[in-house]
mmCIF file of all heavy atoms, coordinates in Angstrom:
data_MODEL
# 
_entry.id   MODEL 
# 
loop_
_atom_site.group_PDB 
_atom_site.id 
_atom_site.type_symbol 
_atom_site.label_atom_id 
_atom_site.label_alt_id 
_atom_site.label_comp_id 
_atom_site.label_asym_id 
_atom_site.label_entity_id 
_atom_site.label_seq_id 
_atom_site.pdbx_PDB_ins_code 
_atom_site.Cartn_x 
_atom_site.Cartn_y 
_atom_site.Cartn_z 
_atom_site.occupancy 
_atom_site.B_iso_or_equiv 
_atom_site.pdbx_formal_charge 
_atom_site.auth_seq_id 
_atom_site.auth_comp_id 
_atom_site.auth_asym_id 
_atom_site.auth_atom_id 
_atom_site.pdbx_PDB_model_num 
ATOM 1   N N   . GLY A 1 1  ? 5.156   -0.199 -5.192 1.00 0.00 ? 1  GLY A N   1 
ATOM 2   C CA  . GLY A 1 1  ? 6.417   -0.773 -4.680 1.00 0.00 ? 1  GLY A CA  1 
ATOM 3   C C   . GLY A 1 1  ? 7.599   -0.414 -5.599 1.00 0.00 ? 1  GLY A C   1 
ATOM 4   O O   . GLY A 1 1  ? 7.430   0.148  -6.663 1.00 0.00 ? 1  GLY A O   1 
ATOM 5   N N   . GLY A 1 2  ? 8.775   -0.811 -5.157 1.00 0.00 ? 2  GLY A N   1 
ATOM 6   C CA  . GLY A 1 2  ? 9.975   -0.570 -5.946 1.00 0.00 ? 2  GLY A CA  1 
ATOM 7   C C   . GLY A 1 2  ? 11.233  -0.691 -5.132 1.00 0.00 ? 2  GLY A C   1 
ATOM 8   O O   . GLY A 1 2  ? 11.194  -1.163 -3.984 1.00 0.00 ? 2  GLY A O   1 
ATOM 9   N N   . LEU A 1 3  ? 12.302  -0.276 -5.734 1.00 0.00 ? 3  LEU A N   1 
ATOM 10  C CA  . LEU A 1 3  ? 13.619  -0.269 -5.052 1.00 0.00 ? 3  LEU A CA  1 
ATOM 11  C C   . LEU A 1 3  ? 13.877  1.123  -4.514 1.00 0.00 ? 3  LEU A C   1 
ATOM 12  O O   . LEU A 1 3  ? 13.779  2.111  -5.243 1.00 0.00 ? 3  LEU A O   1 
ATOM 13  C CB  . LEU A 1 3  ? 14.704  -0.649 -6.058 1.00 0.00 ? 3  LEU A CB  1 
ATOM 14  C CG  . LEU A 1 3  ? 16.141  -0.566 -5.557 1.00 0.00 ? 3  LEU A CG  1 
ATOM 15  C CD1 . LEU A 1 3  ? 16.403  -1.557 -4.412 1.00 0.00 ? 3  LEU A CD1 1 
ATOM 16  C CD2 . LEU A 1 3  ? 17.105  -0.862 -6.728 1.00 0.00 ? 3  LEU A CD2 1 
ATOM 17  N N   . VAL A 1 4  ? 14.262  1.196  -3.242 1.00 0.00 ? 4  VAL A N   1 
ATOM 18  C CA  . VAL A 1 4  ? 14.494  2.488  -2.601 1.00 0.00 ? 4  VAL A CA  1 
ATOM 19  C C   . VAL A 1 4  ? 15.692  2.301  -1.669 1.00 0.00 ? 4  VAL A C   1 
ATOM 20  O O   . VAL A 1 4  ? 15.938  1.244  -1.102 1.00 0.00 ? 4  VAL A O   1 
ATOM 21  C CB  . VAL A 1 4  ? 13.233  2.966  -1.823 1.00 0.00 ? 4  VAL A CB  1 
ATOM 22  C CG1 . VAL A 1 4  ? 12.888  2.023  -0.707 1.00 0.00 ? 4  VAL A CG1 1 
ATOM 23  C CG2 . VAL A 1 4  ? 13.435  4.378  -1.333 1.00 0.00 ? 4  VAL A CG2 1 
ATOM 24  N N   . GLN A 1 5  ? 16.434  3.375  -1.526 1.00 0.00 ? 5  GLN A N   1 
ATOM 25  C CA  . GLN A 1 5  ? 17.608  3.341  -0.596 1.00 0.00 ? 5  GLN A CA  1 
ATOM 26  C C   . GLN A 1 5  ? 17.189  3.477  0.843  1.00 0.00 ? 5  GLN A C   1 
ATOM 27  O O   . GLN A 1 5  ? 16.083  4.035  1.128  1.00 0.00 ? 5  GLN A O   1 
ATOM 28  C CB  . GLN A 1 5  ? 18.564  4.489  -0.954 1.00 0.00 ? 5  GLN A CB  1 
ATOM 29  C CG  . GLN A 1 5  ? 19.235  4.332  -2.288 1.00 0.00 ? 5  GLN A CG  1 
ATOM 30  C CD  . GLN A 1 5  ? 20.294  5.404  -2.533 1.00 0.00 ? 5  GLN A CD  1 
ATOM 31  O OE1 . GLN A 1 5  ? 20.311  6.429  -1.887 1.00 0.00 ? 5  GLN A OE1 1 
ATOM 32  N NE2 . GLN A 1 5  ? 21.200  5.149  -3.470 1.00 0.00 ? 5  GLN A NE2 1 
ATOM 33  N N   . PRO A 1 6  ? 17.947  2.966  1.764  1.00 0.00 ? 6  PRO A N   1 
ATOM 34  C CA  . PRO A 1 6  ? 17.636  3.166  3.186  1.00 0.00 ? 6  PRO A CA  1 
ATOM 35  C C   . PRO A 1 6  ? 17.419  4.623  3.510  1.00 0.00 ? 6  PRO A C   1 
ATOM 36  O O   . PRO A 1 6  ? 18.173  5.466  3.046  1.00 0.00 ? 6  PRO A O   1 
ATOM 37  C CB  . PRO A 1 6  ? 18.853  2.581  3.883  1.00 0.00 ? 6  PRO A CB  1 
ATOM 38  C CG  . PRO A 1 6  ? 19.393  1.552  2.956  1.00 0.00 ? 6  PRO A CG  1 
ATOM 39  C CD  . PRO A 1 6  ? 19.163  2.131  1.579  1.00 0.00 ? 6  PRO A CD  1 
ATOM 40  N N   . GLY A 1 7  ? 16.371  4.887  4.292  1.00 0.00 ? 7  GLY A N   1 
ATOM 41  C CA  . GLY A 1 7  ? 15.996  6.246  4.647  1.00 0.00 ? 7  GLY A CA  1 
ATOM 42  C C   . GLY A 1 7  ? 15.033  6.874  3.678  1.00 0.00 ? 7  GLY A C   1 
ATOM 43  O O   . GLY A 1 7  ? 14.506  7.970  3.957  1.00 0.00 ? 7  GLY A O   1 
ATOM 44  N N   . GLY A 1 8  ? 14.759  6.211  2.568  1.00 0.00 ? 8  GLY A N   1 
ATOM 45  C CA  . GLY A 1 8  ? 13.829  6.757  1.574  1.00 0.00 ? 8  GLY A CA  1 
ATOM 46  C C   . GLY A 1 8  ? 12.395  6.481  1.928  1.00 0.00 ? 8  GLY A C   1 
ATOM 47  O O   . GLY A 1 8  ? 12.064  5.948  2.984  1.00 0.00 ? 8  GLY A O   1 
ATOM 48  N N   . SER A 1 9  ? 11.519  6.893  1.007  1.00 0.00 ? 9  SER A N   1 
ATOM 49  C CA  . SER A 1 9  ? 10.068  6.782  1.219  1.00 0.00 ? 9  SER A CA  1 
ATOM 50  C C   . SER A 1 9  ? 9.384   6.181  -0.014 1.00 0.00 ? 9  SER A C   1 
ATOM 51  O O   . SER A 1 9  ? 9.871   6.307  -1.136 1.00 0.00 ? 9  SER A O   1 
ATOM 52  C CB  . SER A 1 9  ? 9.432   8.171  1.474  1.00 0.00 ? 9  SER A CB  1 
ATOM 53  O OG  . SER A 1 9  ? 9.992   8.758  2.621  1.00 0.00 ? 9  SER A OG  1 
ATOM 54  N N   . LEU A 1 10 ? 8.280   5.524  0.241  1.00 0.00 ? 10 LEU A N   1 
ATOM 55  C CA  . LEU A 1 10 ? 7.392   5.013  -0.800 1.00 0.00 ? 10 LEU A CA  1 
ATOM 56  C C   . LEU A 1 10 ? 5.940   5.144  -0.313 1.00 0.00 ? 10 LEU A C   1 
ATOM 57  O O   . LEU A 1 10 ? 5.684   5.096  0.896  1.00 0.00 ? 10 LEU A O   1 
ATOM 58  C CB  . LEU A 1 10 ? 7.688   3.531  -1.098 1.00 0.00 ? 10 LEU A CB  1 
ATOM 59  C CG  . LEU A 1 10 ? 8.914   3.148  -1.903 1.00 0.00 ? 10 LEU A CG  1 
ATOM 60  C CD1 . LEU A 1 10 ? 9.056   1.625  -1.960 1.00 0.00 ? 10 LEU A CD1 1 
ATOM 61  C CD2 . LEU A 1 10 ? 8.854   3.714  -3.331 1.00 0.00 ? 10 LEU A CD2 1 
ATOM 62  N N   . ARG A 1 11 ? 5.043   5.256  -1.280 1.00 0.00 ? 11 ARG A N   1 
ATOM 63  C CA  . ARG A 1 11 ? 3.628   5.235  -0.915 1.00 0.00 ? 11 ARG A CA  1 
ATOM 64  C C   . ARG A 1 11 ? 2.971   4.124  -1.744 1.00 0.00 ? 11 ARG A C   1 
ATOM 65  O O   . ARG A 1 11 ? 2.963   4.146  -2.964 1.00 0.00 ? 11 ARG A O   1 
ATOM 66  C CB  . ARG A 1 11 ? 2.910   6.547  -1.225 1.00 0.00 ? 11 ARG A CB  1 
ATOM 67  C CG  . ARG A 1 11 ? 1.498   6.570  -0.654 1.00 0.00 ? 11 ARG A CG  1 
ATOM 68  C CD  . ARG A 1 11 ? 0.767   7.881  -0.888 1.00 0.00 ? 11 ARG A CD  1 
ATOM 69  N NE  . ARG A 1 11 ? 0.310   8.010  -2.232 1.00 0.00 ? 11 ARG A NE  1 
ATOM 70  C CZ  . ARG A 1 11 ? -0.673  8.886  -2.596 1.00 0.00 ? 11 ARG A CZ  1 
ATOM 71  N NH1 . ARG A 1 11 ? -1.278  9.601  -1.676 1.00 0.00 ? 11 ARG A NH1 1 
ATOM 72  N NH2 . ARG A 1 11 ? -1.010  8.969  -3.854 1.00 0.00 ? 11 ARG A NH2 1 
ATOM 73  N N   . LEU A 1 12 ? 2.447   3.157  -0.995 1.00 0.00 ? 12 LEU A N   1 
ATOM 74  C CA  . LEU A 1 12 ? 1.754   2.066  -1.642 1.00 0.00 ? 12 LEU A CA  1 
ATOM 75  C C   . LEU A 1 12 ? 0.261   2.366  -1.754 1.00 0.00 ? 12 LEU A C   1 
ATOM 76  O O   . LEU A 1 12 ? -0.287  3.050  -0.889 1.00 0.00 ? 12 LEU A O   1 
ATOM 77  C CB  . LEU A 1 12 ? 1.933   0.763  -0.838 1.00 0.00 ? 12 LEU A CB  1 
ATOM 78  C CG  . LEU A 1 12 ? 3.366   0.343  -0.521 1.00 0.00 ? 12 LEU A CG  1 
ATOM 79  C CD1 . LEU A 1 12 ? 3.359   -1.000 0.219  1.00 0.00 ? 12 LEU A CD1 1 
ATOM 80  C CD2 . LEU A 1 12 ? 4.203   0.276  -1.772 1.00 0.00 ? 12 LEU A CD2 1 
ATOM 81  N N   . SER A 1 13 ? -0.348  1.872  -2.811 1.00 0.00 ? 13 SER A N   1 
ATOM 82  C CA  . SER A 1 13 ? -1.772  2.049  -3.007 1.00 0.00 ? 13 SER A CA  1 
ATOM 83  C C   . SER A 1 13 ? -2.468  0.694  -3.137 1.00 0.00 ? 13 SER A C   1 
ATOM 84  O O   . SER A 1 13 ? -1.902  -0.222 -3.717 1.00 0.00 ? 13 SER A O   1 
ATOM 85  C CB  . SER A 1 13 ? -2.037  2.867  -4.286 1.00 0.00 ? 13 SER A CB  1 
ATOM 86  O OG  . SER A 1 13 ? -1.453  4.146  -4.213 1.00 0.00 ? 13 SER A OG  1 
ATOM 87  N N   . CYS A 1 14 ? -3.680  0.621  -2.619 1.00 0.00 ? 14 CYS A N   1 
ATOM 88  C CA  . CYS A 1 14 ? -4.492  -0.562 -2.745 1.00 0.00 ? 14 CYS A CA  1 
ATOM 89  C C   . CYS A 1 14 ? -5.849  -0.121 -3.282 1.00 0.00 ? 14 CYS A C   1 
ATOM 90  O O   . CYS A 1 14 ? -6.639  0.523  -2.534 1.00 0.00 ? 14 CYS A O   1 
ATOM 91  C CB  . CYS A 1 14 ? -4.634  -1.274 -1.405 1.00 0.00 ? 14 CYS A CB  1 
ATOM 92  S SG  . CYS A 1 14 ? -5.805  -2.660 -1.419 1.00 0.00 ? 14 CYS A SG  1 
ATOM 93  N N   . ALA A 1 15 ? -6.092  -0.387 -4.554 1.00 0.00 ? 15 ALA A N   1 
ATOM 94  C CA  . ALA A 1 15 ? -7.338  0.003  -5.191 1.00 0.00 ? 15 ALA A CA  1 
ATOM 95  C C   . ALA A 1 15 ? -8.322  -1.157 -5.115 1.00 0.00 ? 15 ALA A C   1 
ATOM 96  O O   . ALA A 1 15 ? -7.986  -2.291 -5.433 1.00 0.00 ? 15 ALA A O   1 
ATOM 97  C CB  . ALA A 1 15 ? -7.100  0.380  -6.631 1.00 0.00 ? 15 ALA A CB  1 
ATOM 98  N N   . ALA A 1 16 ? -9.559  -0.859 -4.712 1.00 0.00 ? 16 ALA A N   1 
ATOM 99  C CA  . ALA A 1 16 ? -10.586 -1.898 -4.531 1.00 0.00 ? 16 ALA A CA  1 
ATOM 100 C C   . ALA A 1 16 ? -11.633 -1.760 -5.616 1.00 0.00 ? 16 ALA A C   1 
ATOM 101 O O   . ALA A 1 16 ? -11.988 -0.642 -6.017 1.00 0.00 ? 16 ALA A O   1 
ATOM 102 C CB  . ALA A 1 16 ? -11.200 -1.759 -3.172 1.00 0.00 ? 16 ALA A CB  1 
ATOM 103 N N   . SER A 1 17 ? -12.184 -2.917 -6.025 1.00 0.00 ? 17 SER A N   1 
ATOM 104 C CA  . SER A 1 17 ? -13.234 -2.924 -7.044 1.00 0.00 ? 17 SER A CA  1 
ATOM 105 C C   . SER A 1 17 ? -14.553 -2.467 -6.471 1.00 0.00 ? 17 SER A C   1 
ATOM 106 O O   . SER A 1 17 ? -15.422 -1.985 -7.180 1.00 0.00 ? 17 SER A O   1 
ATOM 107 C CB  . SER A 1 17 ? -13.398 -4.317 -7.622 1.00 0.00 ? 17 SER A CB  1 
ATOM 108 O OG  . SER A 1 17 ? -13.734 -5.247 -6.600 1.00 0.00 ? 17 SER A OG  1 
ATOM 109 N N   . GLY A 1 18 ? -14.687 -2.588 -5.148 1.00 0.00 ? 18 GLY A N   1 
ATOM 110 C CA  . GLY A 1 18 ? -15.899 -2.158 -4.490 1.00 0.00 ? 18 GLY A CA  1 
ATOM 111 C C   . GLY A 1 18 ? -15.593 -1.224 -3.384 1.00 0.00 ? 18 GLY A C   1 
ATOM 112 O O   . GLY A 1 18 ? -14.585 -0.510 -3.419 1.00 0.00 ? 18 GLY A O   1 
ATOM 113 N N   . SER A 1 19 ? -16.471 -1.156 -2.411 1.00 0.00 ? 19 SER A N   1 
ATOM 114 C CA  . SER A 1 19 ? -16.251 -0.243 -1.307 1.00 0.00 ? 19 SER A CA  1 
ATOM 115 C C   . SER A 1 19 ? -14.972 -0.623 -0.551 1.00 0.00 ? 19 SER A C   1 
ATOM 116 O O   . SER A 1 19 ? -14.681 -1.813 -0.313 1.00 0.00 ? 19 SER A O   1 
ATOM 117 C CB  . SER A 1 19 ? -17.419 -0.336 -0.309 1.00 0.00 ? 19 SER A CB  1 
ATOM 118 O OG  . SER A 1 19 ? -17.110 0.372  0.897  1.00 0.00 ? 19 SER A OG  1 
ATOM 119 N N   . ILE A 1 20 ? -14.187 0.381  -0.168 1.00 0.00 ? 20 ILE A N   1 
ATOM 120 C CA  . ILE A 1 20 ? -12.966 0.101  0.586  1.00 0.00 ? 20 ILE A CA  1 
ATOM 121 C C   . ILE A 1 20 ? -13.258 -0.100 2.069  1.00 0.00 ? 20 ILE A C   1 
ATOM 122 O O   . ILE A 1 20 ? -12.336 -0.314 2.837  1.00 0.00 ? 20 ILE A O   1 
ATOM 123 C CB  . ILE A 1 20 ? -11.933 1.216  0.421  1.00 0.00 ? 20 ILE A CB  1 
ATOM 124 C CG1 . ILE A 1 20 ? -12.453 2.550  0.941  1.00 0.00 ? 20 ILE A CG1 1 
ATOM 125 C CG2 . ILE A 1 20 ? -11.510 1.315  -1.023 1.00 0.00 ? 20 ILE A CG2 1 
ATOM 126 C CD1 . ILE A 1 20 ? -11.403 3.653  0.984  1.00 0.00 ? 20 ILE A CD1 1 
ATOM 127 N N   . ALA A 1 21 ? -14.500 -0.056 2.438  1.00 0.00 ? 21 ALA A N   1 
ATOM 128 C CA  . ALA A 1 21 ? -14.831 -0.282 3.872  1.00 0.00 ? 21 ALA A CA  1 
ATOM 129 C C   . ALA A 1 21 ? -14.410 -1.655 4.308  1.00 0.00 ? 21 ALA A C   1 
ATOM 130 O O   . ALA A 1 21 ? -14.185 -1.908 5.491  1.00 0.00 ? 21 ALA A O   1 
ATOM 131 C CB  . ALA A 1 21 ? -16.329 -0.087 4.087  1.00 0.00 ? 21 ALA A CB  1 
ATOM 132 N N   . SER A 1 22 ? -14.326 -2.597 3.360  1.00 0.00 ? 22 SER A N   1 
ATOM 133 C CA  . SER A 1 22 ? -13.949 -3.951 3.700  1.00 0.00 ? 22 SER A CA  1 
ATOM 134 C C   . SER A 1 22 ? -12.434 -4.149 3.849  1.00 0.00 ? 22 SER A C   1 
ATOM 135 O O   . SER A 1 22 ? -11.997 -5.180 4.310  1.00 0.00 ? 22 SER A O   1 
ATOM 136 C CB  . SER A 1 22 ? -14.480 -4.934 2.648  1.00 0.00 ? 22 SER A CB  1 
ATOM 137 O OG  . SER A 1 22 ? -13.897 -4.635 1.384  1.00 0.00 ? 22 SER A OG  1 
ATOM 138 N N   . ILE A 1 23 ? -11.679 -3.160 3.419  1.00 0.00 ? 23 ILE A N   1 
ATOM 139 C CA  . ILE A 1 23 ? -10.193 -3.284 3.513  1.00 0.00 ? 23 ILE A CA  1 
ATOM 140 C C   . ILE A 1 23 ? -9.763  -3.105 4.948  1.00 0.00 ? 23 ILE A C   1 
ATOM 141 O O   . ILE A 1 23 ? -10.037 -2.083 5.572  1.00 0.00 ? 23 ILE A O   1 
ATOM 142 C CB  . ILE A 1 23 ? -9.488  -2.292 2.594  1.00 0.00 ? 23 ILE A CB  1 
ATOM 143 C CG1 . ILE A 1 23 ? -9.848  -2.591 1.129  1.00 0.00 ? 23 ILE A CG1 1 
ATOM 144 C CG2 . ILE A 1 23 ? -7.976  -2.381 2.780  1.00 0.00 ? 23 ILE A CG2 1 
ATOM 145 C CD1 . ILE A 1 23 ? -9.213  -1.626 0.135  1.00 0.00 ? 23 ILE A CD1 1 
ATOM 146 N N   . LYS A 1 24 ? -9.079  -4.121 5.459  1.00 0.00 ? 24 LYS A N   1 
ATOM 147 C CA  . LYS A 1 24 ? -8.701  -4.097 6.882  1.00 0.00 ? 24 LYS A CA  1 
ATOM 148 C C   . LYS A 1 24 ? -7.304  -3.621 7.144  1.00 0.00 ? 24 LYS A C   1 
ATOM 149 O O   . LYS A 1 24 ? -7.035  -3.060 8.210  1.00 0.00 ? 24 LYS A O   1 
ATOM 150 C CB  . LYS A 1 24 ? -8.867  -5.515 7.456  1.00 0.00 ? 24 LYS A CB  1 
ATOM 151 C CG  . LYS A 1 24 ? -10.248 -6.091 7.343  1.00 0.00 ? 24 LYS A CG  1 
ATOM 152 C CD  . LYS A 1 24 ? -11.319 -5.146 7.932  1.00 0.00 ? 24 LYS A CD  1 
ATOM 153 C CE  . LYS A 1 24 ? -12.683 -5.705 7.756  1.00 0.00 ? 24 LYS A CE  1 
ATOM 154 N NZ  . LYS A 1 24 ? -13.728 -4.766 8.216  1.00 0.00 ? 24 LYS A NZ  1 
ATOM 155 N N   . GLY A 1 25 ? -6.405  -3.776 6.183  1.00 0.00 ? 25 GLY A N   1 
ATOM 156 C CA  . GLY A 1 25 ? -5.059  -3.311 6.446  1.00 0.00 ? 25 GLY A CA  1 
ATOM 157 C C   . GLY A 1 25 ? -4.049  -3.818 5.458  1.00 0.00 ? 25 GLY A C   1 
ATOM 158 O O   . GLY A 1 25 ? -4.386  -4.422 4.428  1.00 0.00 ? 25 GLY A O   1 
ATOM 159 N N   . TRP A 1 26 ? -2.795  -3.528 5.766  1.00 0.00 ? 26 TRP A N   1 
ATOM 160 C CA  . TRP A 1 26 ? -1.632  -3.929 4.985  1.00 0.00 ? 26 TRP A CA  1 
ATOM 161 C C   . TRP A 1 26 ? -0.828  -4.983 5.739  1.00 0.00 ? 26 TRP A C   1 
ATOM 162 O O   . TRP A 1 26 ? -0.659  -4.866 6.982  1.00 0.00 ? 26 TRP A O   1 
ATOM 163 C CB  . TRP A 1 26 ? -0.726  -2.738 4.723  1.00 0.00 ? 26 TRP A CB  1 
ATOM 164 C CG  . TRP A 1 26 ? -1.249  -1.798 3.684  1.00 0.00 ? 26 TRP A CG  1 
ATOM 165 C CD1 . TRP A 1 26 ? -2.005  -0.679 3.891  1.00 0.00 ? 26 TRP A CD1 1 
ATOM 166 C CD2 . TRP A 1 26 ? -1.031  -1.863 2.294  1.00 0.00 ? 26 TRP A CD2 1 
ATOM 167 N NE1 . TRP A 1 26 ? -2.277  -0.048 2.710  1.00 0.00 ? 26 TRP A NE1 1 
ATOM 168 C CE2 . TRP A 1 26 ? -1.679  -0.766 1.698  1.00 0.00 ? 26 TRP A CE2 1 
ATOM 169 C CE3 . TRP A 1 26 ? -0.332  -2.747 1.452  1.00 0.00 ? 26 TRP A CE3 1 
ATOM 170 C CZ2 . TRP A 1 26 ? -1.683  -0.506 0.322  1.00 0.00 ? 26 TRP A CZ2 1 
ATOM 171 C CZ3 . TRP A 1 26 ? -0.339  -2.501 0.099  1.00 0.00 ? 26 TRP A CZ3 1 
ATOM 172 C CH2 . TRP A 1 26 ? -0.994  -1.395 -0.464 1.00 0.00 ? 26 TRP A CH2 1 
ATOM 173 N N   . TYR A 1 27 ? -0.345  -5.974 4.992  1.00 0.00 ? 27 TYR A N   1 
ATOM 174 C CA  . TYR A 1 27 ? 0.507   -7.014 5.541  1.00 0.00 ? 27 TYR A CA  1 
ATOM 175 C C   . TYR A 1 27 ? 1.748   -7.085 4.672  1.00 0.00 ? 27 TYR A C   1 
ATOM 176 O O   . TYR A 1 27 ? 1.804   -6.536 3.570  1.00 0.00 ? 27 TYR A O   1 
ATOM 177 C CB  . TYR A 1 27 ? -0.202  -8.375 5.474  1.00 0.00 ? 27 TYR A CB  1 
ATOM 178 C CG  . TYR A 1 27 ? -1.370  -8.505 6.431  1.00 0.00 ? 27 TYR A CG  1 
ATOM 179 C CD1 . TYR A 1 27 ? -2.549  -7.801 6.214  1.00 0.00 ? 27 TYR A CD1 1 
ATOM 180 C CD2 . TYR A 1 27 ? -1.302  -9.320 7.534  1.00 0.00 ? 27 TYR A CD2 1 
ATOM 181 C CE1 . TYR A 1 27 ? -3.615  -7.913 7.078  1.00 0.00 ? 27 TYR A CE1 1 
ATOM 182 C CE2 . TYR A 1 27 ? -2.382  -9.454 8.411  1.00 0.00 ? 27 TYR A CE2 1 
ATOM 183 C CZ  . TYR A 1 27 ? -3.530  -8.768 8.175  1.00 0.00 ? 27 TYR A CZ  1 
ATOM 184 O OH  . TYR A 1 27 ? -4.600  -8.870 9.034  1.00 0.00 ? 27 TYR A OH  1 
ATOM 185 N N   . ARG A 1 28 ? 2.769   -7.756 5.184  1.00 0.00 ? 28 ARG A N   1 
ATOM 186 C CA  . ARG A 1 28 ? 3.978   -7.981 4.394  1.00 0.00 ? 28 ARG A CA  1 
ATOM 187 C C   . ARG A 1 28 ? 4.538   -9.367 4.660  1.00 0.00 ? 28 ARG A C   1 
ATOM 188 O O   . ARG A 1 28 ? 4.367   -9.923 5.742  1.00 0.00 ? 28 ARG A O   1 
ATOM 189 C CB  . ARG A 1 28 ? 5.040   -6.900 4.651  1.00 0.00 ? 28 ARG A CB  1 
ATOM 190 C CG  . ARG A 1 28 ? 5.640   -6.922 6.048  1.00 0.00 ? 28 ARG A CG  1 
ATOM 191 C CD  . ARG A 1 28 ? 6.566   -5.735 6.217  1.00 0.00 ? 28 ARG A CD  1 
ATOM 192 N NE  . ARG A 1 28 ? 7.207   -5.686 7.536  1.00 0.00 ? 28 ARG A NE  1 
ATOM 193 C CZ  . ARG A 1 28 ? 7.930   -4.666 7.980  1.00 0.00 ? 28 ARG A CZ  1 
ATOM 194 N NH1 . ARG A 1 28 ? 8.126   -3.603 7.224  1.00 0.00 ? 28 ARG A NH1 1 
ATOM 195 N NH2 . ARG A 1 28 ? 8.474   -4.721 9.178  1.00 0.00 ? 28 ARG A NH2 1 
# 
């Protein structure tokens, strides 16, 4: 995350301690 201007891009990462098969999605 961070500060970005309108029209810009970011890539968020979610690192898991175990298998990522359990990760269902992103919320805000």
